[in-house]
Amino acid sequence: MKPFVVNLSFIIVLLLVVSCRNESSYYEQISEKKTIISRILDLNKSITEIRKQEKGKISKEGLDFISYEYPIGDNDSYAISYQFDEKGCFEISFDSYFAIKEDAENVLEGFKTEITHSEFGAPTNDNNLYRWKNANESISIELDYKNTDRGLLVLTIMANA
């Protein structure tokens, strides 16, 4: 009887460990909401259009600014912020501070791969900052990874005038 209980306990623990590992990565969770490349299409949209499509919790709001917070993992979150002028949205920011540096590194590598495999191609890398521009240089993307080892990651999408 005792070996049966030990084997049953082992199987239960093994199932718990395997089931906990099935959670998708931070990059996958972020991309399930909306990919970075698809966020580029939000440039030039009005604040009303952004309000209708975003599903996060509004964390800050002004006449020309709105920010949404999204929970991720057990205790982390990230923010998506939009800045507007008379033409519409001209800047979109992704800001995060994750408790575990590997989560920030996962998102960094995911963003870098996603953007590099798009029309933007390979980035320039200058002073812990990846930079991409589209062919006509109307859109720029910057990915600041200086403090990724501390869980901090900042990505900015800009419409160039």
C-alpha atoms as a PDB file:
ATOM      1  CA  MET A   1       0.000   0.000   0.000  1.00  0.00           C
ATOM      2  CA  LYS A   2       2.815   2.419   0.864  1.00  0.00           C
ATOM      3  CA  PRO A   3       4.501   2.154  -2.601  1.00  0.00           C
ATOM      4  CA  PHE A   4       1.121   2.916  -4.199  1.00  0.00           C
ATOM      5  CA  VAL A   5       0.729   6.122  -2.148  1.00  0.00           C
ATOM      6  CA  VAL A   6       4.307   7.176  -2.961  1.00  0.00           C
ATOM      7  CA  ASN A   7       3.782   6.513  -6.685  1.00  0.00           C
ATOM      8  CA  LEU A   8       0.437   8.326  -6.672  1.00  0.00           C
ATOM      9  CA  SER A   9       2.010  11.324  -4.899  1.00  0.00           C
ATOM     10  CA  PHE A  10       4.845  11.374  -7.433  1.00  0.00           C
ATOM     11  CA  ILE A  11       2.387  11.329 -10.342  1.00  0.00           C
ATOM     12  CA  ILE A  12       0.329  14.173  -8.851  1.00  0.00           C
ATOM     13  CA  VAL A  13       3.427  16.323  -8.293  1.00  0.00           C
ATOM     14  CA  LEU A  14       4.650  15.577 -11.826  1.00  0.00           C
ATOM     15  CA  LEU A  15       1.279  16.592 -13.295  1.00  0.00           C
ATOM     16  CA  LEU A  16       1.312  19.840 -11.340  1.00  0.00           C
ATOM     17  CA  VAL A  17       4.819  20.696 -12.548  1.00  0.00           C
ATOM     18  CA  VAL A  18       3.980  19.915 -16.171  1.00  0.00           C
ATOM     19  CA  SER A  19       0.699  21.848 -16.067  1.00  0.00           C
ATOM     20  CA  CYS A  20       2.415  24.935 -14.601  1.00  0.00           C
ATOM     21  CA  ARG A  21       4.877  25.011 -17.483  1.00  0.00           C
ATOM     22  CA  ASN A  22       2.133  25.210 -20.098  1.00  0.00           C
ATOM     23  CA  GLU A  23       1.636  28.946 -19.504  1.00  0.00           C
ATOM     24  CA  SER A  24       2.761  30.874 -22.553  1.00  0.00           C
ATOM     25  CA  SER A  25       5.749  33.206 -22.447  1.00  0.00           C
ATOM     26  CA  TYR A  26       5.377  36.904 -21.696  1.00  0.00           C
ATOM     27  CA  TYR A  27       6.019  37.743 -25.350  1.00  0.00           C
ATOM     28  CA  GLU A  28       3.283  35.316 -26.437  1.00  0.00           C
ATOM     29  CA  GLN A  29       0.834  36.724 -23.883  1.00  0.00           C
ATOM     30  CA  ILE A  30       1.510  40.293 -25.059  1.00  0.00           C
ATOM     31  CA  SER A  31       1.203  39.315 -28.728  1.00  0.00           C
ATOM     32  CA  GLU A  32      -2.093  37.511 -28.085  1.00  0.00           C
ATOM     33  CA  LYS A  33      -3.579  40.889 -27.125  1.00  0.00           C
ATOM     34  CA  LYS A  34      -2.012  42.702 -30.089  1.00  0.00           C
ATOM     35  CA  THR A  35       1.326  42.378 -31.871  1.00  0.00           C
ATOM     36  CA  ILE A  36       3.764  45.262 -32.046  1.00  0.00           C
ATOM     37  CA  ILE A  37       3.574  45.308 -35.846  1.00  0.00           C
ATOM     38  CA  SER A  38      -0.234  45.571 -35.739  1.00  0.00           C
ATOM     39  CA  ARG A  39       0.068  48.454 -33.254  1.00  0.00           C
ATOM     40  CA  ILE A  40       1.815  50.447 -35.989  1.00  0.00           C
ATOM     41  CA  LEU A  41      -1.570  50.664 -37.694  1.00  0.00           C
ATOM     42  CA  ASP A  42      -2.777  52.705 -34.695  1.00  0.00           C
ATOM     43  CA  LEU A  43      -0.620  55.647 -35.778  1.00  0.00           C
ATOM     44  CA  ASN A  44      -2.772  58.581 -36.961  1.00  0.00           C
ATOM     45  CA  LYS A  45      -5.936  57.183 -35.327  1.00  0.00           C
ATOM     46  CA  SER A  46      -7.984  59.496 -33.124  1.00  0.00           C
ATOM     47  CA  ILE A  47      -8.175  59.123 -29.371  1.00  0.00           C
ATOM     48  CA  THR A  48     -11.826  58.026 -29.818  1.00  0.00           C
ATOM     49  CA  GLU A  49     -10.782  55.211 -32.169  1.00  0.00           C
ATOM     50  CA  ILE A  50      -8.104  54.047 -29.723  1.00  0.00           C
ATOM     51  CA  ARG A  51     -10.576  54.073 -26.818  1.00  0.00           C
ATOM     52  CA  LYS A  52     -12.942  51.842 -28.810  1.00  0.00           C
ATOM     53  CA  GLN A  53     -10.326  49.222 -29.650  1.00  0.00           C
ATOM     54  CA  GLU A  54      -8.109  48.997 -26.525  1.00  0.00           C
ATOM     55  CA  LYS A  55      -9.200  46.449 -23.936  1.00  0.00           C
ATOM     56  CA  GLY A  56      -6.801  47.299 -21.082  1.00  0.00           C
ATOM     57  CA  LYS A  57      -7.568  49.281 -17.957  1.00  0.00           C
ATOM     58  CA  ILE A  58      -7.083  53.043 -18.421  1.00  0.00           C
ATOM     59  CA  SER A  59      -4.339  54.088 -16.026  1.00  0.00           C
ATOM     60  CA  LYS A  60      -3.795  57.716 -17.169  1.00  0.00           C
ATOM     61  CA  GLU A  61      -5.728  60.027 -19.434  1.00  0.00           C
ATOM     62  CA  GLY A  62      -5.544  63.570 -20.709  1.00  0.00           C
ATOM     63  CA  LEU A  63      -6.650  65.612 -23.726  1.00  0.00           C
ATOM     64  CA  ASP A  64      -3.732  64.357 -25.827  1.00  0.00           C
ATOM     65  CA  PHE A  65      -2.626  61.263 -23.906  1.00  0.00           C
ATOM     66  CA  ILE A  66      -4.077  57.910 -22.854  1.00  0.00           C
ATOM     67  CA  SER A  67      -2.388  54.954 -21.189  1.00  0.00           C
ATOM     68  CA  TYR A  68      -3.653  51.408 -20.634  1.00  0.00           C
ATOM     69  CA  GLU A  69      -2.362  48.849 -18.170  1.00  0.00           C
ATOM     70  CA  TYR A  70      -2.380  45.117 -18.821  1.00  0.00           C
ATOM     71  CA  PRO A  71      -1.664  42.492 -16.155  1.00  0.00           C
ATOM     72  CA  ILE A  72       0.735  39.694 -17.086  1.00  0.00           C
ATOM     73  CA  GLY A  73       2.060  36.743 -15.164  1.00  0.00           C
ATOM     74  CA  ASP A  74       1.402  36.569 -11.442  1.00  0.00           C
ATOM     75  CA  ASN A  75       2.323  40.109 -10.352  1.00  0.00           C
ATOM     76  CA  ASP A  76       3.638  41.959 -13.394  1.00  0.00           C
ATOM     77  CA  SER A  77       2.056  44.382 -15.824  1.00  0.00           C
ATOM     78  CA  TYR A  78       2.888  46.484 -18.852  1.00  0.00           C
ATOM     79  CA  ALA A  79       1.547  49.781 -20.165  1.00  0.00           C
ATOM     80  CA  ILE A  80       0.605  50.849 -23.678  1.00  0.00           C
ATOM     81  CA  SER A  81       0.479  54.640 -24.033  1.00  0.00           C
ATOM     82  CA  TYR A  82      -0.675  56.835 -26.903  1.00  0.00           C
ATOM     83  CA  GLN A  83       0.152  60.487 -27.597  1.00  0.00           C
ATOM     84  CA  PHE A  84      -2.005  62.595 -29.916  1.00  0.00           C
ATOM     85  CA  ASP A  85      -1.914  65.857 -31.811  1.00  0.00           C
ATOM     86  CA  GLU A  86      -4.368  67.399 -34.288  1.00  0.00           C
ATOM     87  CA  LYS A  87      -3.491  64.703 -36.893  1.00  0.00           C
ATOM     88  CA  GLY A  88      -4.099  61.797 -34.512  1.00  0.00           C
ATOM     89  CA  CYS A  89      -1.800  59.375 -32.726  1.00  0.00           C
ATOM     90  CA  PHE A  90       1.860  60.182 -33.356  1.00  0.00           C
ATOM     91  CA  GLU A  91       3.532  58.016 -30.685  1.00  0.00           C
ATOM     92  CA  ILE A  92       2.839  54.635 -29.111  1.00  0.00           C
ATOM     93  CA  SER A  93       4.875  53.401 -26.145  1.00  0.00           C
ATOM     94  CA  PHE A  94       5.242  50.008 -24.502  1.00  0.00           C
ATOM     95  CA  ASP A  95       6.671  50.218 -20.973  1.00  0.00           C
ATOM     96  CA  SER A  96       7.295  47.309 -18.645  1.00  0.00           C
ATOM     97  CA  TYR A  97       9.084  46.436 -15.465  1.00  0.00           C
ATOM     98  CA  PHE A  98       9.091  42.700 -14.862  1.00  0.00           C
ATOM     99  CA  ALA A  99      10.224  41.097 -11.617  1.00  0.00           C
ATOM    100  CA  ILE A 100      12.237  38.415 -13.434  1.00  0.00           C
ATOM    101  CA  LYS A 101      14.869  39.533 -15.945  1.00  0.00           C
ATOM    102  CA  GLU A 102      14.290  36.430 -18.102  1.00  0.00           C
ATOM    103  CA  ASP A 103      10.734  37.634 -18.766  1.00  0.00           C
ATOM    104  CA  ALA A 104      12.079  40.986 -19.996  1.00  0.00           C
ATOM    105  CA  GLU A 105      14.680  39.185 -22.111  1.00  0.00           C
ATOM    106  CA  ASN A 106      11.949  36.975 -23.598  1.00  0.00           C
ATOM    107  CA  VAL A 107       9.895  40.040 -24.596  1.00  0.00           C
ATOM    108  CA  LEU A 108      13.016  41.810 -25.930  1.00  0.00           C
ATOM    109  CA  GLU A 109      13.917  38.882 -28.179  1.00  0.00           C
ATOM    110  CA  GLY A 110      10.294  38.436 -29.278  1.00  0.00           C
ATOM    111  CA  PHE A 111       9.897  42.104 -30.215  1.00  0.00           C
ATOM    112  CA  LYS A 112      13.273  42.182 -31.966  1.00  0.00           C
ATOM    113  CA  THR A 113      12.445  39.080 -34.021  1.00  0.00           C
ATOM    114  CA  GLU A 114       8.912  40.269 -34.859  1.00  0.00           C
ATOM    115  CA  ILE A 115      10.050  43.681 -36.064  1.00  0.00           C
ATOM    116  CA  THR A 116      13.121  42.365 -37.910  1.00  0.00           C
ATOM    117  CA  HIS A 117      10.972  39.870 -39.845  1.00  0.00           C
ATOM    118  CA  SER A 118       8.621  42.664 -40.956  1.00  0.00           C
ATOM    119  CA  GLU A 119       9.125  45.363 -43.567  1.00  0.00           C
ATOM    120  CA  PHE A 120      11.477  47.144 -41.127  1.00  0.00           C
ATOM    121  CA  GLY A 121      14.290  44.602 -41.505  1.00  0.00           C
ATOM    122  CA  ALA A 122      17.406  44.497 -39.347  1.00  0.00           C
ATOM    123  CA  PRO A 123      17.845  47.225 -36.723  1.00  0.00           C
ATOM    124  CA  THR A 124      20.751  49.489 -36.046  1.00  0.00           C
ATOM    125  CA  ASN A 125      22.137  49.008 -32.571  1.00  0.00           C
ATOM    126  CA  ASP A 126      23.476  52.065 -30.816  1.00  0.00           C
ATOM    127  CA  ASN A 127      24.079  52.492 -27.084  1.00  0.00           C
ATOM    128  CA  ASN A 128      21.652  49.759 -25.918  1.00  0.00           C
ATOM    129  CA  LEU A 129      18.963  50.959 -28.322  1.00  0.00           C
ATOM    130  CA  TYR A 130      17.685  49.041 -31.343  1.00  0.00           C
ATOM    131  CA  ARG A 131      16.301  51.321 -34.069  1.00  0.00           C
ATOM    132  CA  TRP A 132      14.213  50.526 -37.119  1.00  0.00           C
ATOM    133  CA  LYS A 133      12.781  52.749 -39.868  1.00  0.00           C
ATOM    134  CA  ASN A 134      10.486  51.823 -42.711  1.00  0.00           C
ATOM    135  CA  ALA A 135      11.588  52.374 -46.341  1.00  0.00           C
ATOM    136  CA  ASN A 136      10.301  55.952 -46.638  1.00  0.00           C
ATOM    137  CA  GLU A 137      11.321  56.750 -43.034  1.00  0.00           C
ATOM    138  CA  SER A 138       7.788  57.812 -42.085  1.00  0.00           C
ATOM    139  CA  ILE A 139       7.780  55.421 -39.104  1.00  0.00           C
ATOM    140  CA  SER A 140      10.499  54.771 -36.527  1.00  0.00           C
ATOM    141  CA  ILE A 141      10.653  52.132 -33.818  1.00  0.00           C
ATOM    142  CA  GLU A 142      13.058  52.263 -30.878  1.00  0.00           C
ATOM    143  CA  LEU A 143      13.598  49.418 -28.411  1.00  0.00           C
ATOM    144  CA  ASP A 144      15.557  50.446 -25.320  1.00  0.00           C
ATOM    145  CA  TYR A 145      17.128  47.423 -23.655  1.00  0.00           C
ATOM    146  CA  LYS A 146      19.687  49.158 -21.435  1.00  0.00           C
ATOM    147  CA  ASN A 147      18.043  47.942 -18.208  1.00  0.00           C
ATOM    148  CA  THR A 148      16.654  44.601 -19.368  1.00  0.00           C
ATOM    149  CA  ASP A 149      18.826  42.897 -16.746  1.00  0.00           C
ATOM    150  CA  ARG A 150      16.672  44.709 -14.155  1.00  0.00           C
ATOM    151  CA  GLY A 151      13.406  43.753 -15.903  1.00  0.00           C
ATOM    152  CA  LEU A 152      12.865  47.117 -17.623  1.00  0.00           C
ATOM    153  CA  LEU A 153      11.952  47.312 -21.302  1.00  0.00           C
ATOM    154  CA  VAL A 154      10.742  50.327 -23.325  1.00  0.00           C
ATOM    155  CA  LEU A 155       9.570  50.306 -26.949  1.00  0.00           C
ATOM    156  CA  THR A 156       8.423  53.417 -28.815  1.00  0.00           C
ATOM    157  CA  ILE A 157       6.698  53.628 -32.218  1.00  0.00           C
ATOM    158  CA  MET A 158       6.778  57.091 -33.791  1.00  0.00           C
ATOM    159  CA  ALA A 159       5.202  58.708 -36.818  1.00  0.00           C
ATOM    160  CA  ASN A 160       7.905  60.912 -38.302  1.00  0.00           C
ATOM    161  CA  ALA A 161       6.687  64.262 -39.606  1.00  0.00           C
END
